[in-house]
Protein backbone atom coordinates (compact mmCIF):
# COMPACT_ATOMS: atom_id res chain seq x y z
CA MET A 1 38.50 16.19 -1.26
CA ALA A 2 36.22 15.95 1.74
CA THR A 3 32.48 15.95 1.19
CA ALA A 4 29.55 17.07 3.24
CA PRO A 5 28.03 14.34 5.40
CA SER A 6 25.13 12.21 4.18
CA ILE A 7 21.75 12.85 5.74
CA HIS A 8 19.92 10.08 7.54
CA THR A 9 16.40 10.56 8.87
CA ARG A 10 13.74 8.66 10.70
CA TYR A 11 10.24 10.00 11.27
CA VAL A 12 7.01 9.01 12.89
CA TYR A 13 4.57 9.20 10.00
CA SER A 14 1.60 11.51 10.11
CA PRO A 15 -0.93 12.13 7.32
CA GLN A 16 -0.69 15.85 8.01
CA ILE A 17 2.25 17.58 6.36
CA ALA A 18 4.35 19.59 8.78
CA SER A 19 4.89 23.26 8.04
CA HIS A 20 8.66 22.80 8.41
CA TYR A 21 10.81 19.78 7.65
CA ARG A 22 13.60 19.31 10.17
CA ILE A 23 16.55 16.99 10.42
CA ASN A 24 17.82 16.78 13.97
CA GLY A 25 17.21 15.21 17.33
CA SER A 26 14.48 17.66 18.24
CA GLN A 27 10.81 16.75 18.49
CA GLN A 28 9.44 20.25 18.28
CA ARG A 29 7.00 19.41 15.50
CA PRO A 30 4.11 17.10 16.46
CA SER A 31 3.90 15.42 13.08
CA TYR A 32 7.45 14.06 13.12
CA SER A 33 10.14 12.95 15.49
CA SER A 34 13.38 12.97 13.59
CA SER A 35 17.07 12.33 13.83
CA SER A 36 20.09 12.77 11.68
CA SER A 37 23.45 11.14 11.63
CA SER A 38 26.51 12.04 9.67
CA SER A 39 29.79 10.49 8.87
CA SER A 40 32.73 11.10 6.62
CA SER A 41 32.27 9.72 3.15
CA SER A 42 34.62 9.80 0.22
CA SER A 43 33.49 11.67 -2.83
CA TYR A 44 33.22 9.55 -5.92
CA SER A 45 32.73 9.80 -9.64
CA ALA A 46 32.75 7.44 -12.59
CA SER A 47 36.49 7.80 -12.93
CA ASN A 48 37.31 6.63 -9.42
CA PHE A 49 34.37 4.34 -8.74
CA SER A 50 36.34 1.16 -9.40
CA SER A 51 38.70 1.81 -6.51
CA ILE A 52 35.80 2.57 -4.19
CA PHE A 53 33.93 -0.58 -5.19
CA LEU A 54 36.98 -2.76 -4.68
CA SER A 55 38.00 -1.14 -1.42
CA GLY A 56 34.56 -1.73 0.03
CA ARG A 57 34.44 -5.41 -0.74
CA ASN A 58 36.03 -6.71 2.41
CA ARG A 59 33.30 -5.14 4.51
CA GLY A 60 31.04 -8.11 3.88
CA GLN A 61 33.43 -10.54 5.52
CA ARG A 62 33.43 -9.16 9.01
CA LYS A 63 30.92 -8.10 11.56
CA HIS A 64 30.21 -4.37 11.70
CA SER A 65 29.39 -2.53 14.87
CA VAL A 66 27.17 0.49 14.88
CA GLY A 67 29.53 2.31 17.17
CA PRO A 68 29.08 5.46 19.21
CA GLN A 69 30.83 7.58 16.62
CA ALA A 70 28.40 6.55 13.90
CA MET A 71 25.34 7.07 16.05
CA SER A 72 26.27 9.96 18.32
CA THR A 73 25.20 12.69 15.91
CA ALA A 74 21.67 11.30 15.76
CA THR A 75 20.70 13.36 18.79
CA GLN A 76 23.09 16.27 18.51
CA GLY A 77 23.50 19.35 16.39
CA ASN A 78 21.45 22.37 15.46
CA SER A 79 18.08 22.19 13.76
CA ILE A 80 18.26 22.47 9.99
CA ALA A 81 15.15 23.55 8.14
CA ILE A 82 15.37 22.53 4.48
CA THR A 83 13.91 25.44 2.53
CA ALA A 84 14.53 27.23 -0.73
CA SER A 85 17.48 29.02 0.85
CA ASN A 86 19.58 25.85 1.10
CA ILE A 87 18.27 23.75 -1.78
CA ASN A 88 21.68 23.69 -3.40
CA ASN A 89 23.22 22.15 -0.28
CA GLY A 90 20.50 19.57 0.36
CA PRO A 91 20.35 15.89 -0.61
CA GLU A 92 19.35 15.02 -4.15
CA HIS A 93 18.64 11.29 -3.88
CA LEU A 94 15.87 9.94 -1.65
CA LEU A 95 16.34 6.30 -0.57
CA VAL A 96 13.16 4.91 1.00
CA LEU A 97 13.54 1.86 3.27
CA VAL A 98 10.37 -0.24 3.65
CA HIS A 99 10.05 -2.92 6.36
CA GLY A 100 8.03 -6.13 6.22
CA ILE A 101 5.12 -7.73 8.05
CA MET A 102 4.62 -7.00 11.78
CA SER A 103 7.74 -4.85 11.82
CA SER A 104 8.78 -1.23 12.13
CA SER A 105 11.45 1.19 10.97
CA SER A 106 13.74 -0.13 13.71
CA ASP A 107 14.34 -3.16 11.47
CA TRP A 108 16.66 -0.93 9.45
CA THR A 109 18.91 0.29 12.30
CA TYR A 110 22.01 -1.52 11.07
CA THR A 111 21.33 -0.96 7.37
CA GLU A 112 20.65 2.75 7.89
CA ALA A 113 23.93 3.18 9.71
CA GLU A 114 25.89 1.32 7.02
CA LEU A 115 24.27 3.17 4.13
CA THR A 116 24.75 6.48 5.92
CA LYS A 117 28.48 5.77 6.28
CA HIS A 118 29.04 4.53 2.75
CA LEU A 119 26.68 6.43 0.47
CA GLY A 120 27.47 10.13 0.33
CA LYS A 121 26.12 13.59 0.75
CA ASN A 122 23.57 13.26 -2.04
CA PHE A 123 21.47 10.64 -0.24
CA LEU A 124 18.56 11.24 2.13
CA ILE A 125 17.93 7.86 3.76
CA TYR A 126 14.36 7.58 5.00
CA ALA A 127 12.94 4.62 6.95
CA SER A 128 9.21 4.38 6.37
CA SER A 129 6.96 4.22 9.45
CA SER A 130 3.45 4.44 8.00
CA ASN A 131 2.78 0.67 8.10
CA THR A 132 4.09 -0.52 11.43
CA TYR A 133 3.09 -3.79 13.07
CA THR A 134 -0.62 -4.70 12.62
CA LYS A 135 -1.08 -2.01 9.97
CA THR A 136 0.63 -4.48 7.65
CA PHE A 137 -2.52 -6.65 7.90
CA SER A 138 -4.86 -4.11 6.26
CA GLY A 139 -4.01 -5.15 2.70
CA ILE A 140 -1.18 -4.54 0.25
CA ASP A 141 -3.19 -1.86 -1.53
CA GLU A 142 -4.04 0.09 1.63
CA ALA A 143 -0.47 -0.12 2.92
CA GLY A 144 0.81 0.92 -0.50
CA LYS A 145 -1.36 4.04 -0.45
CA ARG A 146 -0.13 4.97 3.02
CA LEU A 147 3.46 4.52 1.91
CA ALA A 148 2.86 6.67 -1.18
CA ASP A 149 1.38 9.44 0.97
CA GLU A 150 4.33 9.27 3.34
CA VAL A 151 6.84 9.51 0.51
CA MET A 152 5.04 12.54 -0.91
CA GLN A 153 5.31 14.30 2.44
CA VAL A 154 9.07 13.86 2.41
CA VAL A 155 9.38 14.96 -1.22
CA LYS A 156 7.24 18.06 -0.75
CA LYS A 157 9.31 19.21 2.21
CA THR A 158 12.73 18.43 0.74
CA LYS A 159 13.01 20.76 -2.22
CA SER A 160 16.50 19.66 -3.20
CA LEU A 161 15.49 16.11 -4.18
CA LYS A 162 15.91 14.99 -7.78
CA ARG A 163 16.11 11.19 -7.66
CA ILE A 164 14.36 8.39 -5.77
CA SER A 165 15.12 4.74 -4.92
CA PHE A 166 13.44 2.05 -2.83
CA LEU A 167 14.97 -0.71 -0.68
CA ALA A 168 12.33 -3.02 0.75
CA HIS A 169 12.29 -6.20 2.82
CA SER A 170 9.76 -9.03 2.55
CA LEU A 171 6.14 -7.82 2.39
CA GLY A 172 7.48 -4.27 2.18
CA GLY A 173 8.51 -5.00 -1.40
CA LEU A 174 4.85 -5.49 -2.35
CA PHE A 175 3.89 -2.30 -0.50
CA ALA A 176 6.59 -0.48 -2.47
CA ARG A 177 5.42 -1.95 -5.79
CA TYR A 178 1.91 -0.67 -5.13
CA ALA A 179 3.14 2.70 -3.88
CA VAL A 180 5.25 3.44 -6.97
CA ALA A 181 2.19 2.90 -9.15
CA VAL A 182 0.32 5.48 -7.06
CA LEU A 183 3.26 7.88 -7.32
CA TYR A 184 3.87 7.27 -11.03
CA SER A 185 3.45 9.94 -13.69
CA PRO A 186 4.23 9.18 -17.33
CA ASP A 187 5.81 12.58 -17.98
CA THR A 188 6.97 15.72 -16.18
CA SER A 189 3.75 17.64 -16.80
CA THR A 190 1.49 15.37 -14.72
CA SER A 191 1.36 14.65 -11.03
CA GLY A 192 0.95 10.91 -11.40
CA GLN A 193 -1.49 10.70 -8.48
CA LEU A 194 -4.00 7.95 -9.28
CA GLY A 195 -7.48 7.74 -7.87
CA ASP A 196 -8.76 5.01 -5.61
CA PRO A 197 -8.65 1.62 -7.34
CA GLN A 198 -11.82 0.36 -8.96
CA ASN A 199 -12.56 -3.06 -10.41
CA CYS A 200 -9.65 -3.92 -12.64
CA THR A 201 -9.82 -5.37 -16.12
CA MET A 202 -6.65 -6.20 -18.01
CA GLU A 203 -6.01 -3.71 -20.77
CA ASN A 204 -4.71 -5.57 -23.81
CA SER A 205 -3.42 -2.43 -25.48
CA GLU A 206 -1.11 -1.67 -22.54
CA ARG A 207 0.35 -5.07 -21.78
CA THR A 208 3.45 -4.55 -23.89
CA ASN A 209 3.34 -0.81 -24.52
CA PHE A 210 4.24 0.29 -21.01
CA SER A 211 6.39 3.35 -20.84
CA LYS A 212 9.96 3.24 -19.54
CA GLY A 213 9.90 7.01 -19.10
CA GLY A 214 8.18 8.90 -16.36
CA LEU A 215 8.64 9.99 -12.77
CA ILE A 216 7.95 8.60 -9.31
CA ALA A 217 6.73 11.26 -6.86
CA GLY A 218 7.98 13.82 -9.37
CA LEU A 219 11.54 12.47 -9.12
CA GLU A 220 13.78 10.45 -11.43
CA PRO A 221 13.51 6.75 -10.43
CA ILE A 222 16.87 4.99 -10.06
CA ASN A 223 16.86 1.78 -7.97
CA PHE A 224 14.06 -0.57 -6.97
CA ILE A 225 15.51 -3.26 -4.69
CA THR A 226 13.73 -5.98 -2.75
CA LEU A 227 15.08 -8.43 -0.17
CA ALA A 228 13.17 -11.73 0.25
CA THR A 229 9.90 -10.34 -1.11
CA PRO A 230 7.06 -12.75 -2.08
CA HIS A 231 6.50 -11.24 -5.52
CA LEU A 232 4.36 -14.21 -6.62
CA GLY A 233 2.49 -14.54 -3.34
CA VAL A 234 2.81 -17.49 -0.98
CA ARG A 235 0.37 -19.94 -2.53
CA GLY A 236 1.85 -23.17 -3.85
CA LYS A 237 4.38 -25.77 -2.83
CA ASN A 238 7.25 -24.41 -0.72
CA GLN A 239 6.24 -20.80 -1.25
CA LEU A 240 5.65 -20.58 2.51
CA PRO A 241 8.59 -22.69 3.69
CA PHE A 242 7.65 -23.02 7.37
CA LEU A 243 4.85 -25.35 6.24
CA PHE A 244 7.64 -27.73 5.09
CA GLY A 245 5.89 -28.45 1.78
CA VAL A 246 3.27 -30.57 3.56
CA THR A 247 0.26 -30.58 1.23
CA ILE A 248 -2.43 -30.60 3.89
CA LEU A 249 -0.81 -27.70 5.78
CA GLU A 250 -0.52 -25.66 2.59
CA LYS A 251 -4.21 -26.32 1.87
CA ILE A 252 -5.27 -25.30 5.37
CA ALA A 253 -3.12 -22.14 5.35
CA ALA A 254 -4.94 -20.43 2.49
CA PRO A 255 -8.48 -20.26 3.96
CA VAL A 256 -7.30 -19.38 7.48
CA ALA A 257 -4.70 -16.77 6.48
CA SER A 258 -7.15 -13.89 6.83
CA LEU A 259 -7.82 -14.88 10.45
CA PHE A 260 -4.20 -14.18 11.33
CA VAL A 261 -3.02 -11.47 8.93
CA GLY A 262 -6.25 -9.99 7.63
CA GLN A 263 -6.76 -8.85 4.06
CA THR A 264 -3.04 -9.07 3.44
CA GLY A 265 -3.18 -12.83 3.96
CA THR A 266 -6.03 -13.23 1.49
CA GLN A 267 -4.08 -11.25 -1.09
CA LEU A 268 -0.88 -13.24 -0.56
CA PHE A 269 -2.82 -16.48 -1.12
CA LEU A 270 -4.43 -14.97 -4.28
CA THR A 271 -8.03 -15.49 -3.12
CA ASP A 272 -9.04 -11.84 -2.67
CA GLY A 273 -11.98 -10.35 -4.54
CA ASN A 274 -14.77 -11.86 -6.60
CA PRO A 275 -14.11 -14.99 -8.67
CA ASN A 276 -14.36 -13.01 -11.90
CA LYS A 277 -11.81 -10.41 -10.78
CA PRO A 278 -8.04 -10.96 -10.98
CA PRO A 279 -6.36 -11.17 -7.57
CA LEU A 280 -4.41 -8.08 -6.58
CA LEU A 281 -0.95 -9.59 -7.14
CA LEU A 282 -1.91 -10.54 -10.71
CA ARG A 283 -3.19 -7.02 -11.34
CA MET A 284 0.12 -5.72 -9.97
CA ALA A 285 1.92 -7.64 -12.74
CA SER A 286 0.17 -5.53 -15.37
CA ASP A 287 -0.97 -2.08 -16.33
CA CYS A 288 -4.65 -1.93 -15.48
CA GLU A 289 -7.34 0.34 -14.08
CA ASP A 290 -5.92 0.01 -10.57
CA GLY A 291 -2.61 1.47 -11.66
CA LYS A 292 0.20 1.37 -14.16
CA PHE A 293 2.18 -1.14 -12.13
CA ILE A 294 4.51 -2.37 -14.88
CA SER A 295 5.00 1.10 -16.33
CA ALA A 296 5.89 2.42 -12.86
CA LEU A 297 8.46 -0.33 -12.27
CA GLY A 298 9.74 0.22 -15.79
CA THR A 299 10.75 3.78 -14.97
CA PHE A 300 13.49 2.60 -12.60
CA ARG A 301 16.90 2.31 -14.20
CA PHE A 302 17.81 -0.68 -12.04
CA ARG A 303 15.51 -3.36 -10.63
CA THR A 304 17.07 -5.93 -8.28
CA VAL A 305 15.68 -8.85 -6.29
CA TYR A 306 17.70 -10.53 -3.52
CA ALA A 307 16.44 -14.03 -2.70
CA ASN A 308 17.33 -16.61 -0.07
CA VAL A 309 17.94 -19.94 -1.79
CA SER A 310 17.26 -21.87 1.43
CA TYR A 311 16.57 -21.61 5.17
CA ASP A 312 14.08 -18.77 4.73
CA HIS A 313 11.03 -19.91 6.72
CA MET A 314 8.79 -17.12 5.44
CA VAL A 315 9.44 -16.66 1.71
CA GLY A 316 10.44 -19.29 -0.83
CA TRP A 317 13.26 -18.95 -3.36
CA ARG A 318 10.88 -19.12 -6.32
CA THR A 319 8.58 -16.29 -5.29
CA SER A 320 11.35 -13.98 -4.07
CA SER A 321 13.41 -14.36 -7.25
CA ILE A 322 10.46 -14.30 -9.72
CA ARG A 323 11.34 -17.67 -11.21
CA ARG A 324 9.61 -20.83 -12.29
CA GLU A 325 10.43 -24.07 -10.49
CA THR A 326 12.34 -25.28 -13.56
CA GLU A 327 14.52 -22.16 -13.50
CA LEU A 328 15.91 -22.63 -9.99
CA GLY A 329 18.56 -25.29 -10.43
CA LYS A 330 21.01 -26.26 -7.70
CA PRO A 331 21.70 -23.50 -5.17
CA PRO A 332 25.27 -22.15 -5.49
CA SER A 333 27.41 -22.29 -2.36
CA GLN A 334 30.54 -20.32 -3.32
CA PHE A 335 30.42 -16.73 -2.08
CA LEU A 336 31.15 -13.81 -4.37
CA ASP A 337 34.52 -12.25 -3.58
CA GLY A 338 34.09 -9.90 -0.64
CA TYR A 339 30.35 -10.47 -0.12
CA LYS A 340 29.84 -13.31 2.30
CA HIS A 341 26.70 -15.42 1.65
CA VAL A 342 26.00 -13.69 -1.69
CA VAL A 343 26.41 -16.61 -4.08
CA ASP A 344 25.16 -15.55 -7.51
CA VAL A 345 24.17 -12.53 -9.60
CA LYS A 346 22.28 -12.88 -12.87
CA TYR A 347 21.07 -10.20 -15.24
CA CYS A 348 17.74 -11.23 -16.77
CA THR A 349 16.75 -9.30 -19.87
CA PRO A 350 13.09 -8.47 -20.58
CA VAL A 351 11.01 -11.26 -22.07
CA PRO A 352 8.51 -9.88 -24.62
CA SER A 353 4.98 -11.17 -24.11
CA ASP A 354 1.39 -10.05 -24.14
CA GLY A 355 1.58 -9.75 -20.37
CA SER A 356 -0.50 -11.35 -17.65
CA GLN A 357 -4.02 -12.51 -18.39
CA PHE A 358 -7.04 -13.64 -16.40
CA THR A 359 -8.82 -16.14 -18.58
CA PRO A 360 -12.20 -17.85 -18.02
CA ARG A 361 -10.24 -20.94 -16.98
CA ALA A 362 -8.45 -18.88 -14.35
CA MET A 363 -11.77 -17.45 -13.10
CA LYS A 364 -13.18 -20.93 -12.67
CA ALA A 365 -10.02 -22.11 -10.91
CA LYS A 366 -10.14 -19.10 -8.57
CA GLU A 367 -13.77 -19.79 -7.64
CA THR A 368 -12.85 -23.39 -6.89
CA ALA A 369 -9.91 -22.27 -4.75
CA GLN A 370 -12.06 -19.81 -2.82
CA ASN A 371 -14.68 -22.43 -1.99
CA ALA A 372 -12.48 -25.50 -1.73
CA SER A 373 -12.39 -27.70 1.34
CA TYR A 374 -9.07 -28.74 2.85
CA THR A 375 -9.12 -31.99 0.89
CA GLU A 376 -9.74 -30.53 -2.56
CA ASN A 377 -6.94 -30.01 -5.06
CA THR A 378 -6.38 -26.37 -6.03
CA VAL A 379 -2.97 -26.83 -7.64
CA GLU A 380 -4.28 -25.70 -11.02
CA TYR A 381 -5.17 -22.24 -9.74
CA HIS A 382 -1.81 -21.31 -8.25
CA GLN A 383 0.00 -22.77 -11.26
CA ILE A 384 -2.04 -20.57 -13.60
CA MET A 385 -1.54 -17.48 -11.41
CA GLU A 386 2.16 -18.03 -10.92
CA GLU A 387 2.79 -18.36 -14.64
CA GLU A 388 0.77 -15.24 -15.44
CA MET A 389 2.51 -13.16 -12.77
CA ILE A 390 5.91 -14.25 -14.04
CA ARG A 391 4.92 -13.41 -17.62
CA GLY A 392 3.86 -9.94 -16.51
CA LEU A 393 6.89 -9.15 -14.36
CA GLN A 394 9.40 -10.57 -16.85
CA GLN A 395 8.39 -7.93 -19.36
CA LEU A 396 10.99 -5.93 -17.44
CA GLY A 397 14.64 -6.70 -16.95
CA TRP A 398 15.80 -7.72 -13.46
CA LYS A 399 19.08 -8.30 -11.69
CA LYS A 400 18.63 -11.40 -9.53
CA VAL A 401 20.95 -11.88 -6.56
CA ASP A 402 20.91 -15.23 -4.76
CA VAL A 403 21.89 -15.47 -1.10
CA ASN A 404 22.77 -18.67 0.76
CA PHE A 405 23.10 -18.73 4.56
CA ARG A 406 23.71 -22.47 4.70
CA SER A 407 27.10 -22.02 6.38
CA ALA A 408 25.93 -19.30 8.78
CA THR A 409 25.88 -19.92 12.52
CA LEU A 410 22.11 -19.37 12.56
CA PRO A 411 20.97 -20.27 9.02
CA PHE A 412 17.30 -20.57 9.99
CA PHE A 413 17.26 -16.82 10.58
CA ALA A 414 17.81 -16.30 6.85
CA HIS A 415 14.68 -14.17 6.43
CA TYR A 416 16.05 -11.67 8.96
CA ASN A 417 19.73 -12.17 8.20
CA ILE A 418 19.24 -10.82 4.69
CA HIS A 419 18.59 -7.29 5.98
CA VAL A 420 20.33 -7.64 9.39
CA LYS A 421 17.18 -6.97 11.39
CA ASN A 422 19.13 -7.27 14.63
CA GLU A 423 22.87 -6.83 14.39
CA ARG A 424 23.60 -9.21 17.22
CA LEU A 425 21.38 -12.08 16.01
CA HIS A 426 21.39 -11.54 12.27
CA ASN A 427 24.91 -10.29 11.52
CA ALA A 428 25.41 -13.06 8.93
CA GLY A 429 23.80 -10.66 6.47
CA VAL A 430 26.41 -7.90 6.63
CA GLY A 431 27.83 -9.10 3.30
CA VAL A 432 24.42 -8.70 1.69
CA ILE A 433 24.10 -5.12 2.95
CA ALA A 434 27.64 -4.39 1.73
CA HIS A 435 26.59 -5.67 -1.70
CA VAL A 436 23.48 -3.47 -1.64
CA ALA A 437 25.52 -0.41 -0.60
CA ASP A 438 28.09 -0.92 -3.34
CA SER A 439 25.35 -1.48 -5.93
CA LEU A 440 23.72 1.80 -4.89
CA ARG A 441 27.07 3.62 -5.12
CA GLN A 442 27.76 2.12 -8.52
CA SER A 443 24.40 3.20 -9.89
CA GLU A 444 24.82 6.70 -8.46
CA ALA A 445 28.26 6.99 -10.04
CA THR A 446 26.77 5.88 -13.35
CA ILE A 447 24.02 8.49 -13.14
CA LEU A 448 26.41 11.31 -12.25
CA ALA A 449 29.07 10.36 -14.78
CA PRO A 450 29.54 13.07 -17.43
CA SER A 451 28.34 12.16 -20.90
CA PHE A 452 30.63 12.69 -23.85
């Protein structure tokens, strides 16, 4: 049975909410410029998902072109205002795409087209544009708030939405983690909108008692997926691979990071804030006064991290896969059937703990790191922080997908291959996107499957 086309949108973000939400090629409203594309998509359910999943596997083994047929409807068709009159015909699942540092929504051109073709009528695919280019330097917290505001605009003007998912690349994964805490509400009777962050102290009573229920932007959270995101920051050996693990370069990078990438750089190197205050990324591995970060992540039914095992010059394997050095092992090289360059999938169950902590020892180590010269040893600080962040994040279960571009024509583009930033240069990653698309379809089929 044929289905209605999926809806694919791209907007120029504006803090002011438009009085009408349109999906077309028109730019009649000053607050948005938008487009839509449609394609035929097979309807699916739990009973026939297996055939869909298997039939889609070979996509990852060949290059995909975003052809004229797939893109032609982006600038054609009549304007469609989504209002109460057509709620029943509108999309139910919002998929938010979040780009990384010094990038824009155009990073997702290939991925948008693929997801639009292969997901179905229930998905509204939205490429975020509130943190383009140098706006990514203003800090993870500030960018996270802008992203949260942008998502709320879409939700408020798309009355048919019921579910929400995030797909984020690189630094965008940290923006998304902050944003979901802003958008989190523990139950259906509250809005979940948190106030501006104040000084954060770890709340012992909430380290293990985070809720797995709740809503994100008033919607049911389904998937939280990151691609090559530095979840543990970039401080430490080989966490910023383009420094080649050279100790002196890694020491120099931390104090000068803010000169190049602003507050974001300070936060990634874990030296933001006063010595007696946990760095932002440690706070984001807990429930604290800044936000219920772990509770918010815990509301998603599926949490997945894709990590490059090698050749990623920006983000190391350890930080992108939320693992300790001892947990890495030898990188696999055999591809999963039908998903070229995807080499391993592991399901990591939650690890009970008392969560992340910021001890007096850590405070002293942070002060030393903040004031250290290039020749001083600050290994102790990043070791303490890394362990505490892992302890906090591993309170939740994660699916960890390893990607290896060793055999690709341009393996050193791994950081951009993983989300196919440019189809011509980075097409080695089409198997990764096929894997993401099939995972999203599988989770949607699971959600919509009738219960007996």
